[in-house]
Amino acid sequence: MTTKNNIVKPNKTLIVFAIIYTAITVYFVIDIKHDESASLGYLFLFPAFWLIGGLLLGLLFWLTKIKAKTTIDKISLAFSTPGPMLAFFFIWSVLPYSQSPASTYEYNSNGHRYRQVKYQYSNGQTEKIEYYVSQDTVTEENPFPENDIWLKDSTWTYYNKNGTIERKEKY
């Protein structure tokens, strides 16, 4: 697309496609974080979404509805693929403060939901064990807390890389 002055304008179709594609991807990631038990389903959903998105993007190019002529078009094209998301998560995973737990365990006791979170060093040794209790009470009819608010609980244990206890913090 050009204007009267022969200035190339960004392709609106490509920008809208990139925004929708990125919004759906962000929604999936947020939903995975919110409901970790459903994350296995996303193992199949993400590739299907990428395939459908890629086919639709290819179809739009083939029908010449979109052409990447400007820098904004090229950026939009990049965000219409899984590349930026994969790059972001790779970079995020190597940052020291983005550590993911090695395991989590939840159970109900005394009218509350309890959570144990275990972190490990890269050598497989336990780094720390954290304990939380739900702020809301739970019952047999409603076994999960209404709000996702967790309070520090019990004794947190921090370990050295050789497996010995470094310190304990009581909450």
Protein backbone atom coordinates (compact mmCIF):
# COMPACT_ATOMS: atom_id res chain seq x y z
CA MET A 1 0.00 0.00 0.00
CA THR A 2 1.22 3.47 -0.81
CA THR A 3 -0.08 6.95 -0.24
CA LYS A 4 -0.20 9.82 -2.72
CA ASN A 5 3.44 10.63 -1.88
CA ASN A 6 4.55 7.04 -2.68
CA ILE A 7 5.27 6.35 0.98
CA VAL A 8 4.84 2.67 1.75
CA LYS A 9 2.36 2.13 4.60
CA PRO A 10 2.46 -0.84 6.95
CA ASN A 11 0.13 -3.70 6.09
CA LYS A 12 -2.81 -3.52 8.50
CA THR A 13 -3.81 -7.14 7.89
CA LEU A 14 -0.38 -8.37 8.93
CA ILE A 15 -0.33 -6.13 12.02
CA VAL A 16 -3.79 -7.35 13.10
CA PHE A 17 -2.75 -10.98 12.47
CA ALA A 18 0.39 -10.50 14.59
CA ILE A 19 -1.56 -8.86 17.43
CA ILE A 20 -4.17 -11.63 17.48
CA TYR A 21 -1.51 -14.37 17.21
CA THR A 22 0.52 -12.87 20.06
CA ALA A 23 -2.59 -12.29 22.22
CA ILE A 24 -3.64 -15.94 21.85
CA THR A 25 -0.12 -17.11 22.67
CA VAL A 26 0.02 -14.89 25.79
CA TYR A 27 -3.41 -16.19 26.85
CA PHE A 28 -2.17 -19.79 26.54
CA VAL A 29 0.93 -19.02 28.61
CA ILE A 30 -1.09 -17.25 31.32
CA ASP A 31 -3.56 -20.13 31.42
CA ILE A 32 -0.69 -22.62 31.81
CA LYS A 33 0.63 -20.64 34.78
CA HIS A 34 -2.86 -20.41 36.30
CA ASP A 35 -3.76 -24.10 35.88
CA GLU A 36 -0.59 -26.17 35.80
CA SER A 37 -2.57 -29.42 35.68
CA ALA A 38 -3.75 -28.51 32.16
CA SER A 39 -0.25 -27.74 30.91
CA LEU A 40 0.14 -31.18 29.34
CA GLY A 41 -2.76 -30.36 27.01
CA TYR A 42 -0.84 -27.34 25.77
CA LEU A 43 1.94 -29.68 24.66
CA PHE A 44 -0.45 -30.64 21.86
CA LEU A 45 -2.30 -27.34 21.55
CA PHE A 46 0.74 -25.13 20.89
CA PRO A 47 2.00 -27.08 17.84
CA ALA A 48 -1.54 -27.26 16.44
CA PHE A 49 -1.93 -23.50 16.94
CA TRP A 50 1.46 -22.85 15.32
CA LEU A 51 0.54 -25.06 12.35
CA ILE A 52 -2.84 -23.38 11.83
CA GLY A 53 -1.27 -19.92 12.25
CA GLY A 54 1.51 -20.77 9.79
CA LEU A 55 -0.95 -22.14 7.22
CA LEU A 56 -3.16 -19.07 7.58
CA LEU A 57 -0.16 -16.75 7.28
CA GLY A 58 1.05 -18.64 4.20
CA LEU A 59 -2.43 -18.45 2.69
CA LEU A 60 -2.55 -14.70 3.26
CA PHE A 61 0.82 -14.33 1.52
CA TRP A 62 -0.26 -16.60 -1.32
CA LEU A 63 -3.45 -14.60 -1.84
CA THR A 64 -1.25 -11.46 -1.74
CA LYS A 65 -3.31 -10.00 1.08
CA ILE A 66 -0.07 -9.27 2.88
CA LYS A 67 3.44 -8.37 1.79
CA ALA A 68 6.31 -7.52 4.11
CA LYS A 69 7.60 -4.24 2.67
CA THR A 70 8.23 -2.04 5.70
CA THR A 71 10.15 -2.58 8.93
CA ILE A 72 6.88 -2.71 10.84
CA ASP A 73 5.67 -5.42 8.45
CA LYS A 74 8.81 -7.46 9.07
CA ILE A 75 8.47 -7.09 12.84
CA SER A 76 4.79 -8.05 12.59
CA LEU A 77 5.76 -11.06 10.48
CA ALA A 78 8.27 -12.14 13.12
CA PHE A 79 5.60 -11.87 15.84
CA SER A 80 3.28 -13.99 13.69
CA THR A 81 5.52 -16.99 14.36
CA PRO A 82 6.49 -18.88 17.53
CA GLY A 83 10.07 -17.56 17.24
CA PRO A 84 9.84 -14.55 19.59
CA MET A 85 8.03 -16.59 22.25
CA LEU A 86 10.60 -19.39 22.09
CA ALA A 87 13.47 -16.87 22.21
CA PHE A 88 11.88 -15.08 25.19
CA PHE A 89 11.45 -18.31 27.16
CA PHE A 90 14.97 -19.47 26.34
CA ILE A 91 16.43 -16.17 27.57
CA TRP A 92 14.13 -16.20 30.61
CA SER A 93 15.14 -19.74 31.52
CA VAL A 94 18.86 -18.93 31.69
CA LEU A 95 18.43 -15.90 33.96
CA PRO A 96 19.36 -16.73 37.56
CA TYR A 97 16.21 -15.26 39.14
CA SER A 98 13.80 -17.14 36.87
CA GLN A 99 14.29 -20.46 38.58
CA SER A 100 11.41 -22.92 38.23
CA PRO A 101 10.59 -25.40 40.97
CA ALA A 102 11.77 -28.98 40.52
CA SER A 103 8.53 -30.23 42.07
CA THR A 104 5.41 -29.03 43.81
CA TYR A 105 3.12 -31.04 46.05
CA GLU A 106 -0.29 -29.96 47.37
CA TYR A 107 -2.60 -31.55 49.91
CA ASN A 108 -5.51 -30.59 52.17
CA SER A 109 -5.29 -30.75 55.95
CA ASN A 110 -7.02 -28.99 58.86
CA GLY A 111 -9.33 -27.02 56.56
CA HIS A 112 -6.55 -25.50 54.44
CA ARG A 113 -4.63 -26.40 51.32
CA TYR A 114 -0.88 -26.82 51.79
CA ARG A 115 1.83 -26.55 49.15
CA GLN A 116 5.41 -27.79 49.23
CA VAL A 117 7.77 -26.35 46.60
CA LYS A 118 11.18 -27.89 46.03
CA TYR A 119 14.02 -26.25 44.06
CA GLN A 120 17.16 -27.98 42.84
CA TYR A 121 20.65 -26.97 41.80
CA SER A 122 21.79 -27.89 38.30
CA ASN A 123 23.68 -30.86 39.81
CA GLY A 124 20.39 -32.36 41.07
CA GLN A 125 20.93 -31.55 44.76
CA THR A 126 18.07 -29.89 46.62
CA GLU A 127 18.55 -26.12 46.85
CA LYS A 128 15.59 -25.21 49.08
CA ILE A 129 12.20 -26.45 50.22
CA GLU A 130 9.39 -23.94 50.79
CA TYR A 131 6.02 -24.51 52.46
CA TYR A 132 2.84 -22.51 51.97
CA VAL A 133 -0.71 -22.60 53.33
CA SER A 134 -3.76 -21.22 51.53
CA GLN A 135 -5.31 -18.10 52.96
CA ASP A 136 -8.79 -19.46 52.24
CA THR A 137 -10.25 -22.49 53.95
CA VAL A 138 -11.18 -25.62 52.01
CA THR A 139 -13.78 -28.34 52.52
CA GLU A 140 -14.44 -31.74 51.02
CA GLU A 141 -17.06 -30.12 48.76
CA ASN A 142 -14.66 -27.32 47.75
CA PRO A 143 -11.16 -28.86 47.96
CA PHE A 144 -9.42 -25.91 46.28
CA PRO A 145 -9.09 -22.38 47.69
CA GLU A 146 -11.24 -19.70 46.05
CA ASN A 147 -8.34 -17.25 45.81
CA ASP A 148 -4.82 -18.14 44.77
CA ILE A 149 -3.26 -16.51 47.84
CA TRP A 150 -0.55 -18.52 49.59
CA LEU A 151 1.04 -17.61 52.93
CA LYS A 152 4.50 -18.72 54.01
CA ASP A 153 4.28 -21.61 56.44
CA SER A 154 6.38 -24.02 58.47
CA THR A 155 10.18 -24.15 58.24
CA TRP A 156 11.92 -23.37 54.96
CA THR A 157 15.18 -25.22 54.51
CA TYR A 158 18.07 -23.95 52.38
CA TYR A 159 20.82 -26.33 51.29
CA ASN A 160 24.40 -25.92 50.03
CA LYS A 161 25.39 -27.44 46.70
CA ASN A 162 26.91 -30.41 48.52
CA GLY A 163 23.55 -31.23 50.15
CA THR A 164 24.22 -29.97 53.68
CA ILE A 165 21.77 -27.60 55.34
CA GLU A 166 22.84 -23.97 54.98
CA ARG A 167 20.08 -22.40 57.07
CA LYS A 168 16.47 -22.72 58.18
CA GLU A 169 13.82 -20.03 58.37
CA LYS A 170 10.71 -20.53 60.49
CA TYR A 171 7.42 -18.89 59.50
